N, C-alpha and C. Protein backbone atom coordinates (compact mmCIF):
# COMPACT_ATOMS: atom_id res chain seq x y z
N MET A 1 86.62 211.13 54.60
CA MET A 1 87.86 211.05 55.34
C MET A 1 87.56 211.13 56.83
N PRO A 2 88.34 210.44 57.67
CA PRO A 2 88.11 210.51 59.11
C PRO A 2 88.63 211.83 59.68
N VAL A 3 87.89 212.36 60.67
CA VAL A 3 88.31 213.59 61.35
C VAL A 3 88.09 213.42 62.85
N GLU A 4 88.82 214.19 63.62
CA GLU A 4 88.67 214.22 65.08
C GLU A 4 87.99 215.54 65.42
N LEU A 5 86.78 215.47 65.99
CA LEU A 5 86.04 216.67 66.35
C LEU A 5 86.37 217.05 67.79
N LYS A 6 86.49 218.34 68.03
CA LYS A 6 86.85 218.85 69.36
C LYS A 6 85.63 219.44 70.05
N SER A 7 85.55 219.27 71.35
CA SER A 7 84.45 219.84 72.12
C SER A 7 84.40 221.35 71.93
N GLY A 8 83.21 221.87 71.68
CA GLY A 8 83.03 223.31 71.45
C GLY A 8 83.12 223.71 69.98
N GLN A 9 83.59 222.81 69.13
CA GLN A 9 83.73 223.12 67.69
C GLN A 9 82.35 223.31 67.07
N ILE A 10 82.23 224.34 66.23
CA ILE A 10 80.98 224.58 65.49
C ILE A 10 81.10 223.96 64.12
N LEU A 11 80.14 223.14 63.75
CA LEU A 11 80.16 222.46 62.46
C LEU A 11 79.23 223.13 61.46
N CYS A 12 79.48 222.91 60.21
CA CYS A 12 78.64 223.34 59.09
C CYS A 12 78.81 224.80 58.70
N GLY A 13 79.70 225.50 59.33
CA GLY A 13 80.04 226.84 58.87
C GLY A 13 78.88 227.80 58.77
N SER A 14 79.05 228.77 57.91
CA SER A 14 78.05 229.83 57.74
C SER A 14 77.08 229.46 56.62
N PRO A 15 75.95 230.16 56.55
CA PRO A 15 75.00 229.93 55.47
C PRO A 15 75.60 230.21 54.10
N ASP A 16 76.70 230.96 54.03
CA ASP A 16 77.32 231.31 52.76
C ASP A 16 78.34 230.28 52.29
N ASP A 17 78.61 229.26 53.12
CA ASP A 17 79.63 228.26 52.79
C ASP A 17 79.21 227.50 51.53
N GLU A 18 79.99 227.63 50.47
CA GLU A 18 79.65 227.02 49.19
C GLU A 18 79.64 225.50 49.24
N ASP A 19 80.65 224.91 49.87
CA ASP A 19 80.74 223.46 49.90
C ASP A 19 81.00 222.98 51.32
N ALA A 20 79.96 223.08 52.13
CA ALA A 20 80.05 222.66 53.53
C ALA A 20 80.31 221.16 53.61
N LEU A 21 80.82 220.73 54.74
CA LEU A 21 81.06 219.32 54.95
C LEU A 21 79.87 218.65 55.61
N VAL A 22 79.73 217.38 55.34
CA VAL A 22 78.73 216.54 56.00
C VAL A 22 79.51 215.60 56.92
N TYR A 23 79.09 215.53 58.18
CA TYR A 23 79.79 214.72 59.18
C TYR A 23 78.92 213.53 59.58
N PHE A 24 79.49 212.34 59.47
CA PHE A 24 78.85 211.11 59.92
C PHE A 24 79.50 210.75 61.24
N LEU A 25 78.78 210.96 62.33
CA LEU A 25 79.35 210.83 63.66
C LEU A 25 79.59 209.36 64.01
N THR A 26 80.76 209.08 64.59
CA THR A 26 81.06 207.73 65.05
C THR A 26 81.41 207.72 66.53
N GLY A 27 81.92 208.82 67.06
CA GLY A 27 82.31 208.86 68.46
C GLY A 27 81.96 210.16 69.16
N ALA A 28 81.77 211.20 68.41
CA ALA A 28 81.45 212.52 68.96
C ALA A 28 79.95 212.66 69.18
N THR A 29 79.56 213.60 70.04
CA THR A 29 78.16 214.00 70.12
C THR A 29 78.07 215.47 69.73
N VAL A 30 76.98 215.83 69.08
CA VAL A 30 76.79 217.19 68.58
C VAL A 30 75.43 217.70 69.02
N ALA A 31 75.43 218.85 69.67
CA ALA A 31 74.19 219.49 70.12
C ALA A 31 73.63 220.36 69.01
N LEU A 32 72.32 220.31 68.84
CA LEU A 32 71.62 221.20 67.91
C LEU A 32 71.12 222.38 68.72
N LEU A 33 71.63 223.55 68.43
CA LEU A 33 71.30 224.74 69.19
C LEU A 33 70.49 225.72 68.35
N VAL A 34 69.46 226.28 68.94
CA VAL A 34 68.72 227.36 68.32
C VAL A 34 69.24 228.64 68.95
N GLU A 35 69.67 229.55 68.11
CA GLU A 35 70.21 230.81 68.61
C GLU A 35 69.14 231.89 68.48
N GLY A 36 68.85 232.53 69.60
CA GLY A 36 67.84 233.57 69.62
C GLY A 36 68.45 234.95 69.72
N GLU A 37 67.69 235.85 70.30
CA GLU A 37 68.15 237.22 70.45
C GLU A 37 69.37 237.29 71.36
N LYS A 38 70.24 238.24 71.08
CA LYS A 38 71.43 238.50 71.90
C LYS A 38 72.27 237.25 72.12
N GLN A 39 72.38 236.41 71.08
CA GLN A 39 73.20 235.21 71.11
C GLN A 39 72.75 234.18 72.16
N ALA A 40 71.53 234.32 72.70
CA ALA A 40 71.01 233.33 73.65
C ALA A 40 70.76 232.02 72.89
N THR A 41 71.10 230.90 73.52
CA THR A 41 70.91 229.61 72.85
C THR A 41 70.15 228.65 73.76
N VAL A 42 69.57 227.65 73.13
CA VAL A 42 68.97 226.52 73.84
C VAL A 42 69.13 225.31 72.93
N ALA A 43 69.50 224.17 73.52
CA ALA A 43 69.66 222.94 72.76
C ALA A 43 68.29 222.30 72.53
N VAL A 44 68.06 221.89 71.29
CA VAL A 44 66.80 221.23 70.94
C VAL A 44 67.04 219.81 70.45
N GLY A 45 68.27 219.33 70.57
CA GLY A 45 68.57 217.97 70.17
C GLY A 45 70.03 217.64 70.41
N LEU A 46 70.32 216.34 70.40
CA LEU A 46 71.68 215.87 70.58
C LEU A 46 71.88 214.64 69.70
N LEU A 47 72.91 214.68 68.86
CA LEU A 47 73.19 213.59 67.94
C LEU A 47 74.42 212.81 68.43
N GLY A 48 74.35 211.51 68.26
CA GLY A 48 75.47 210.64 68.62
C GLY A 48 75.88 209.82 67.41
N ALA A 49 76.29 208.59 67.65
CA ALA A 49 76.84 207.75 66.59
C ALA A 49 75.83 207.46 65.47
N GLU A 50 74.56 207.69 65.71
CA GLU A 50 73.57 207.48 64.66
C GLU A 50 73.39 208.72 63.80
N GLY A 51 74.07 209.80 64.16
CA GLY A 51 73.77 211.10 63.58
C GLY A 51 74.61 211.52 62.39
N VAL A 52 74.00 212.39 61.62
CA VAL A 52 74.65 213.02 60.47
C VAL A 52 74.42 214.52 60.63
N VAL A 53 75.49 215.29 60.48
CA VAL A 53 75.40 216.74 60.59
C VAL A 53 75.79 217.34 59.25
N GLY A 54 74.98 218.24 58.75
CA GLY A 54 75.30 218.92 57.50
C GLY A 54 74.45 218.50 56.33
N VAL A 55 73.39 217.75 56.58
CA VAL A 55 72.50 217.31 55.51
C VAL A 55 71.87 218.52 54.80
N SER A 56 71.69 219.61 55.54
CA SER A 56 71.09 220.79 54.93
C SER A 56 71.93 221.29 53.76
N GLY A 57 73.25 221.15 53.85
CA GLY A 57 74.12 221.55 52.74
C GLY A 57 73.91 220.70 51.51
N VAL A 58 73.63 219.43 51.72
CA VAL A 58 73.37 218.51 50.60
C VAL A 58 72.10 218.92 49.89
N LEU A 59 71.11 219.42 50.68
CA LEU A 59 69.83 219.78 50.13
C LEU A 59 69.76 221.27 49.73
N ASN A 60 70.93 221.94 49.73
CA ASN A 60 71.01 223.37 49.40
C ASN A 60 70.14 224.25 50.28
N SER A 61 70.06 223.90 51.53
CA SER A 61 69.31 224.67 52.50
C SER A 61 70.26 225.03 53.63
N ARG A 62 70.22 226.26 54.08
CA ARG A 62 71.11 226.70 55.15
C ARG A 62 70.29 227.28 56.28
N PRO A 63 70.05 226.51 57.36
CA PRO A 63 69.28 227.05 58.48
C PRO A 63 69.99 228.22 59.13
N GLU A 64 69.30 229.33 59.24
CA GLU A 64 69.92 230.56 59.73
C GLU A 64 70.14 230.57 61.24
N HIS A 65 69.21 230.03 62.01
CA HIS A 65 69.28 230.13 63.47
C HIS A 65 69.66 228.82 64.15
N LEU A 66 70.00 227.81 63.38
CA LEU A 66 70.37 226.51 63.95
C LEU A 66 71.88 226.35 63.88
N LYS A 67 72.49 226.01 65.02
CA LYS A 67 73.93 225.78 65.09
C LYS A 67 74.18 224.35 65.54
N PHE A 68 75.30 223.81 65.13
CA PHE A 68 75.69 222.46 65.50
C PHE A 68 77.03 222.55 66.24
N GLU A 69 77.01 222.27 67.56
CA GLU A 69 78.20 222.40 68.39
C GLU A 69 78.58 221.04 68.95
N VAL A 70 79.85 220.67 68.79
CA VAL A 70 80.35 219.42 69.33
C VAL A 70 80.30 219.51 70.85
N GLN A 71 79.57 218.58 71.46
CA GLN A 71 79.50 218.54 72.93
C GLN A 71 80.57 217.61 73.48
N THR A 72 80.67 216.41 72.91
CA THR A 72 81.67 215.44 73.34
C THR A 72 82.62 215.19 72.19
N ALA A 73 83.90 215.42 72.43
CA ALA A 73 84.91 215.20 71.39
C ALA A 73 84.91 213.75 70.95
N GLY A 74 85.24 213.54 69.69
CA GLY A 74 85.31 212.18 69.16
C GLY A 74 85.49 212.18 67.65
N ARG A 75 85.38 211.02 67.10
CA ARG A 75 85.64 210.84 65.66
C ARG A 75 84.37 210.98 64.83
N ALA A 76 84.59 211.27 63.57
CA ALA A 76 83.52 211.31 62.56
C ALA A 76 84.16 211.08 61.20
N TRP A 77 83.36 210.72 60.25
CA TRP A 77 83.76 210.70 58.85
C TRP A 77 83.15 211.93 58.21
N CYS A 78 83.84 212.54 57.29
CA CYS A 78 83.25 213.70 56.63
C CYS A 78 83.47 213.63 55.13
N ALA A 79 82.58 214.31 54.43
CA ALA A 79 82.65 214.40 52.97
C ALA A 79 82.05 215.74 52.56
N PRO A 80 82.49 216.29 51.43
CA PRO A 80 81.90 217.54 50.94
C PRO A 80 80.44 217.30 50.54
N SER A 81 79.60 218.27 50.85
CA SER A 81 78.17 218.13 50.49
C SER A 81 77.99 217.98 48.99
N SER A 82 78.88 218.59 48.19
CA SER A 82 78.75 218.48 46.72
C SER A 82 78.92 217.03 46.28
N ALA A 83 79.81 216.27 46.94
CA ALA A 83 80.00 214.86 46.59
C ALA A 83 78.73 214.07 46.88
N LEU A 84 78.07 214.36 47.98
CA LEU A 84 76.82 213.66 48.30
C LEU A 84 75.70 214.06 47.35
N ARG A 85 75.68 215.32 46.94
CA ARG A 85 74.68 215.75 45.93
C ARG A 85 74.86 214.97 44.64
N ARG A 86 76.12 214.80 44.19
CA ARG A 86 76.39 214.03 42.96
C ARG A 86 75.95 212.58 43.14
N LEU A 87 76.18 212.02 44.34
CA LEU A 87 75.75 210.65 44.61
C LEU A 87 74.23 210.53 44.52
N ILE A 88 73.52 211.50 45.07
CA ILE A 88 72.06 211.48 45.00
C ILE A 88 71.58 211.56 43.56
N ASP A 89 72.27 212.36 42.73
CA ASP A 89 71.90 212.46 41.32
C ASP A 89 72.01 211.12 40.61
N THR A 90 73.00 210.31 40.98
CA THR A 90 73.17 209.01 40.33
C THR A 90 72.40 207.88 41.02
N ARG A 91 72.04 208.09 42.28
CA ARG A 91 71.31 207.08 43.05
C ARG A 91 70.18 207.74 43.86
N PRO A 92 69.12 208.12 43.17
CA PRO A 92 68.02 208.83 43.85
C PRO A 92 67.40 208.10 45.06
N PRO A 93 67.42 206.77 45.15
CA PRO A 93 66.86 206.13 46.35
C PRO A 93 67.53 206.57 47.66
N ILE A 94 68.72 207.13 47.58
CA ILE A 94 69.38 207.62 48.79
C ILE A 94 68.53 208.70 49.46
N LEU A 95 67.74 209.41 48.66
CA LEU A 95 66.85 210.44 49.23
C LEU A 95 65.87 209.84 50.22
N TRP A 96 65.46 208.59 50.00
CA TRP A 96 64.55 207.92 50.93
C TRP A 96 65.20 207.80 52.31
N PHE A 97 66.47 207.40 52.34
CA PHE A 97 67.17 207.26 53.62
C PHE A 97 67.39 208.62 54.29
N ILE A 98 67.69 209.62 53.50
CA ILE A 98 67.85 210.97 54.06
C ILE A 98 66.53 211.45 54.63
N SER A 99 65.44 211.23 53.90
CA SER A 99 64.11 211.64 54.38
C SER A 99 63.75 210.93 55.67
N LYS A 100 64.02 209.63 55.74
CA LYS A 100 63.73 208.86 56.94
C LYS A 100 64.54 209.39 58.13
N TYR A 101 65.83 209.67 57.90
CA TYR A 101 66.67 210.21 58.95
C TYR A 101 66.15 211.57 59.42
N LEU A 102 65.80 212.42 58.48
CA LEU A 102 65.32 213.77 58.84
C LEU A 102 64.02 213.69 59.63
N TRP A 103 63.16 212.73 59.29
CA TRP A 103 61.91 212.59 60.06
C TRP A 103 62.20 212.14 61.48
N GLN A 104 63.15 211.22 61.67
CA GLN A 104 63.53 210.79 63.02
C GLN A 104 64.13 211.98 63.80
N LEU A 105 64.87 212.82 63.10
CA LEU A 105 65.45 214.00 63.74
C LEU A 105 64.35 214.97 64.16
N VAL A 106 63.33 215.15 63.34
CA VAL A 106 62.20 216.02 63.68
C VAL A 106 61.51 215.49 64.94
N GLU A 107 61.31 214.19 65.02
CA GLU A 107 60.68 213.60 66.22
C GLU A 107 61.54 213.83 67.47
N HIS A 108 62.85 213.68 67.34
CA HIS A 108 63.76 213.91 68.45
C HIS A 108 63.70 215.36 68.91
N ILE A 109 63.75 216.28 67.97
CA ILE A 109 63.68 217.71 68.30
C ILE A 109 62.35 218.04 68.97
N ALA A 110 61.27 217.45 68.50
CA ALA A 110 59.95 217.68 69.11
C ALA A 110 59.94 217.21 70.57
N GLN A 111 60.52 216.05 70.81
CA GLN A 111 60.56 215.52 72.18
C GLN A 111 61.37 216.43 73.10
N VAL A 112 62.56 216.83 72.67
CA VAL A 112 63.40 217.70 73.49
C VAL A 112 62.71 219.04 73.70
N SER A 113 62.08 219.58 72.66
CA SER A 113 61.38 220.86 72.79
C SER A 113 60.23 220.77 73.77
N ALA A 114 59.51 219.65 73.77
CA ALA A 114 58.42 219.46 74.73
C ALA A 114 58.95 219.44 76.16
N GLU A 115 60.11 218.80 76.36
CA GLU A 115 60.71 218.78 77.70
C GLU A 115 61.09 220.19 78.14
N ILE A 116 61.58 220.99 77.22
CA ILE A 116 61.95 222.38 77.54
C ILE A 116 60.72 223.14 78.03
N GLN A 117 59.59 222.90 77.41
CA GLN A 117 58.36 223.63 77.74
C GLN A 117 57.68 223.14 79.00
N THR A 118 57.84 221.85 79.36
CA THR A 118 57.01 221.29 80.42
C THR A 118 57.78 220.90 81.70
N HIS A 119 59.10 220.81 81.65
CA HIS A 119 59.86 220.36 82.82
C HIS A 119 60.51 221.53 83.56
N ASP A 120 60.67 221.36 84.86
CA ASP A 120 61.45 222.35 85.61
C ASP A 120 62.94 222.12 85.31
N ILE A 121 63.78 223.00 85.79
CA ILE A 121 65.20 222.94 85.43
C ILE A 121 65.85 221.63 85.91
N ARG A 122 65.50 221.18 87.08
CA ARG A 122 66.10 219.94 87.60
C ARG A 122 65.78 218.76 86.71
N ARG A 123 64.53 218.65 86.28
CA ARG A 123 64.15 217.55 85.39
C ARG A 123 64.75 217.72 83.99
N ARG A 124 64.82 218.96 83.52
CA ARG A 124 65.45 219.21 82.21
C ARG A 124 66.93 218.81 82.25
N LEU A 125 67.59 219.16 83.35
CA LEU A 125 69.01 218.79 83.50
C LEU A 125 69.14 217.26 83.52
N ALA A 126 68.29 216.60 84.27
CA ALA A 126 68.34 215.14 84.34
C ALA A 126 68.13 214.53 82.96
N CYS A 127 67.16 215.04 82.21
CA CYS A 127 66.90 214.53 80.85
C CYS A 127 68.11 214.74 79.95
N TRP A 128 68.73 215.94 80.02
CA TRP A 128 69.89 216.23 79.16
C TRP A 128 71.07 215.34 79.53
N LEU A 129 71.27 215.10 80.83
CA LEU A 129 72.37 214.24 81.24
C LEU A 129 72.15 212.80 80.79
N LEU A 130 70.93 212.31 80.90
CA LEU A 130 70.64 210.95 80.44
C LEU A 130 70.81 210.85 78.94
N LEU A 131 70.34 211.84 78.20
CA LEU A 131 70.49 211.86 76.76
C LEU A 131 71.97 211.90 76.38
N SER A 132 72.73 212.75 77.08
CA SER A 132 74.17 212.88 76.81
C SER A 132 74.90 211.58 77.07
N ALA A 133 74.57 210.91 78.17
CA ALA A 133 75.21 209.63 78.52
C ALA A 133 74.87 208.57 77.46
N HIS A 134 73.61 208.56 77.05
CA HIS A 134 73.18 207.59 76.04
C HIS A 134 73.90 207.82 74.71
N LYS A 135 73.95 209.06 74.26
CA LYS A 135 74.58 209.38 72.97
C LYS A 135 76.08 209.18 72.99
N ALA A 136 76.72 209.51 74.13
CA ALA A 136 78.19 209.35 74.25
C ALA A 136 78.57 207.94 74.67
N GLN A 137 77.59 207.13 75.06
CA GLN A 137 77.79 205.75 75.49
C GLN A 137 78.77 205.65 76.67
N THR A 138 78.55 206.56 77.65
CA THR A 138 79.36 206.56 78.87
C THR A 138 78.58 207.21 79.99
N GLN A 139 78.85 206.80 81.21
CA GLN A 139 78.21 207.40 82.38
C GLN A 139 79.03 208.58 82.92
N THR A 140 80.24 208.76 82.41
CA THR A 140 81.11 209.86 82.83
C THR A 140 81.19 210.87 81.71
N LEU A 141 80.74 212.08 82.01
CA LEU A 141 80.65 213.14 81.00
C LEU A 141 81.55 214.31 81.40
N HIS A 142 82.15 214.92 80.44
CA HIS A 142 82.98 216.11 80.66
C HIS A 142 82.18 217.33 80.23
N LEU A 143 81.37 217.84 81.16
CA LEU A 143 80.47 218.96 80.89
C LEU A 143 80.55 219.95 82.05
N THR A 144 80.81 221.18 81.75
CA THR A 144 80.83 222.21 82.79
C THR A 144 79.43 222.73 83.04
N HIS A 145 79.24 223.39 84.18
CA HIS A 145 77.96 224.02 84.48
C HIS A 145 77.65 225.10 83.45
N GLU A 146 78.68 225.80 83.00
CA GLU A 146 78.50 226.85 81.99
C GLU A 146 77.97 226.24 80.69
N HIS A 147 78.56 225.14 80.27
CA HIS A 147 78.09 224.46 79.05
C HIS A 147 76.64 224.00 79.20
N LEU A 148 76.35 223.35 80.33
CA LEU A 148 74.99 222.87 80.57
C LEU A 148 73.98 224.01 80.60
N ALA A 149 74.37 225.15 81.16
CA ALA A 149 73.49 226.31 81.18
C ALA A 149 73.18 226.77 79.75
N ARG A 150 74.20 226.78 78.89
CA ARG A 150 73.97 227.15 77.49
C ARG A 150 73.04 226.17 76.80
N MET A 151 73.23 224.87 77.07
CA MET A 151 72.40 223.84 76.43
C MET A 151 70.94 223.98 76.83
N LEU A 152 70.73 224.29 78.12
CA LEU A 152 69.35 224.37 78.62
C LEU A 152 68.76 225.77 78.56
N GLY A 153 69.56 226.74 78.13
CA GLY A 153 69.04 228.11 78.00
C GLY A 153 68.70 228.76 79.33
N VAL A 154 69.51 228.46 80.35
CA VAL A 154 69.26 229.01 81.69
C VAL A 154 70.54 229.63 82.22
N ARG A 155 70.46 230.27 83.37
CA ARG A 155 71.66 230.83 84.00
C ARG A 155 72.49 229.73 84.65
N ARG A 156 73.77 229.98 84.75
CA ARG A 156 74.70 229.00 85.33
C ARG A 156 74.31 228.64 86.76
N VAL A 157 73.89 229.62 87.54
CA VAL A 157 73.53 229.38 88.94
C VAL A 157 72.37 228.39 89.02
N SER A 158 71.47 228.40 88.06
CA SER A 158 70.35 227.46 88.04
C SER A 158 70.86 226.03 87.87
N ILE A 159 71.87 225.86 87.04
CA ILE A 159 72.46 224.53 86.84
C ILE A 159 73.17 224.09 88.11
N THR A 160 73.89 225.00 88.74
CA THR A 160 74.60 224.68 89.98
C THR A 160 73.63 224.19 91.04
N LEU A 161 72.50 224.88 91.19
CA LEU A 161 71.49 224.48 92.18
C LEU A 161 70.86 223.14 91.83
N ALA A 162 70.47 222.97 90.57
CA ALA A 162 69.82 221.72 90.14
C ALA A 162 70.79 220.54 90.25
N ALA A 163 72.04 220.73 89.82
CA ALA A 163 73.03 219.66 89.91
C ALA A 163 73.32 219.32 91.37
N GLY A 164 73.31 220.33 92.24
CA GLY A 164 73.50 220.09 93.66
C GLY A 164 72.39 219.23 94.24
N GLU A 165 71.15 219.48 93.81
CA GLU A 165 70.03 218.65 94.28
C GLU A 165 70.18 217.21 93.80
N LEU A 166 70.58 217.03 92.55
CA LEU A 166 70.77 215.68 92.03
C LEU A 166 71.93 214.97 92.72
N ARG A 167 72.99 215.71 93.02
CA ARG A 167 74.13 215.14 93.74
C ARG A 167 73.72 214.76 95.16
N ASP A 168 72.99 215.66 95.84
CA ASP A 168 72.57 215.38 97.21
C ASP A 168 71.61 214.19 97.29
N ALA A 169 70.88 213.93 96.22
CA ALA A 169 69.98 212.77 96.16
C ALA A 169 70.74 211.49 95.82
N GLY A 170 72.05 211.60 95.56
CA GLY A 170 72.86 210.44 95.26
C GLY A 170 72.77 209.96 93.82
N LEU A 171 72.28 210.81 92.93
CA LEU A 171 72.09 210.41 91.54
C LEU A 171 73.32 210.65 90.68
N LEU A 172 74.18 211.59 91.09
CA LEU A 172 75.38 211.88 90.33
C LEU A 172 76.45 212.48 91.22
N THR A 173 77.66 212.50 90.70
CA THR A 173 78.77 213.21 91.34
C THR A 173 79.37 214.12 90.29
N TYR A 174 79.99 215.20 90.73
CA TYR A 174 80.66 216.06 89.76
C TYR A 174 81.77 216.84 90.45
N SER A 175 82.77 217.15 89.64
CA SER A 175 83.91 217.94 90.12
C SER A 175 84.67 218.47 88.90
N ARG A 176 84.83 219.77 88.84
CA ARG A 176 85.64 220.43 87.81
C ARG A 176 85.33 219.97 86.39
N GLY A 177 84.07 220.01 86.01
CA GLY A 177 83.69 219.68 84.65
C GLY A 177 83.60 218.20 84.35
N ARG A 178 83.79 217.36 85.36
CA ARG A 178 83.65 215.91 85.19
C ARG A 178 82.43 215.47 85.99
N LEU A 179 81.46 214.94 85.29
CA LEU A 179 80.20 214.56 85.90
C LEU A 179 80.02 213.05 85.71
N HIS A 180 79.63 212.35 86.77
CA HIS A 180 79.41 210.90 86.67
C HIS A 180 78.02 210.57 87.15
N ILE A 181 77.27 209.86 86.32
CA ILE A 181 75.92 209.41 86.69
C ILE A 181 76.08 208.16 87.56
N VAL A 182 75.64 208.27 88.80
CA VAL A 182 75.79 207.17 89.78
C VAL A 182 74.62 206.21 89.70
N ASP A 183 73.41 206.73 89.60
CA ASP A 183 72.20 205.91 89.63
C ASP A 183 71.30 206.29 88.45
N GLU A 184 71.55 205.66 87.31
CA GLU A 184 70.82 205.99 86.08
C GLU A 184 69.33 205.70 86.21
N GLN A 185 68.97 204.59 86.83
CA GLN A 185 67.55 204.21 86.96
C GLN A 185 66.79 205.23 87.82
N ALA A 186 67.39 205.65 88.92
CA ALA A 186 66.74 206.64 89.78
C ALA A 186 66.64 207.99 89.06
N LEU A 187 67.64 208.33 88.27
CA LEU A 187 67.63 209.57 87.51
C LEU A 187 66.50 209.51 86.48
N GLN A 188 66.35 208.37 85.81
CA GLN A 188 65.26 208.20 84.84
C GLN A 188 63.89 208.30 85.52
N ALA A 189 63.77 207.67 86.67
CA ALA A 189 62.51 207.71 87.41
C ALA A 189 62.16 209.13 87.81
N MET A 190 63.16 209.91 88.19
CA MET A 190 62.94 211.30 88.60
C MET A 190 62.44 212.14 87.42
N THR A 191 62.85 211.80 86.20
CA THR A 191 62.39 212.59 85.05
C THR A 191 60.94 212.31 84.72
N ARG A 192 60.41 211.18 85.18
CA ARG A 192 59.02 210.83 84.89
C ARG A 192 58.03 211.30 85.96
N THR A 193 58.51 211.67 87.13
CA THR A 193 57.61 212.11 88.20
C THR A 193 57.23 213.56 88.00
N ARG A 194 56.07 213.91 88.41
CA ARG A 194 55.59 215.30 88.25
C ARG A 194 55.80 216.07 89.51
């Protein structure tokens, strides 16, 4: 059934959820967050229209420290994980597609995690903004500094300073939670320089 996902909504419920939903994203973006000590979080991936959230419920696995938070509101299709489990029982080749998707997701998480470890905050912010624009298929994003700080696992003031540098360089504009990428090519080039 079609659903409208709201920004900030947490998907996939708790590990105890008997019949969690699986979401096939069509317009929303969903951040994959790892939650550490004292509720500290860092985003390790972002899913867009190619993404599926809740596959772990289909496989009877419940990741304890991984959260799925809607970053950009939009549409999705959803189904109970039990219905997909029954489908897999009758059509086992579907597991091949799930495995392929999960492997692509692992590669994506590895890339984002490497950026977290090797980039300074300004470059990490630039990478996240480019990824967000690509997944949401728009150059105008509705993201607050507070949200971006949570995604990157840094303090809000660090985002304010880094975003100010990118704005002063003419790469983006922002005001009251509305951010617009002005020069995508220059922003991409900046993420590749050391």
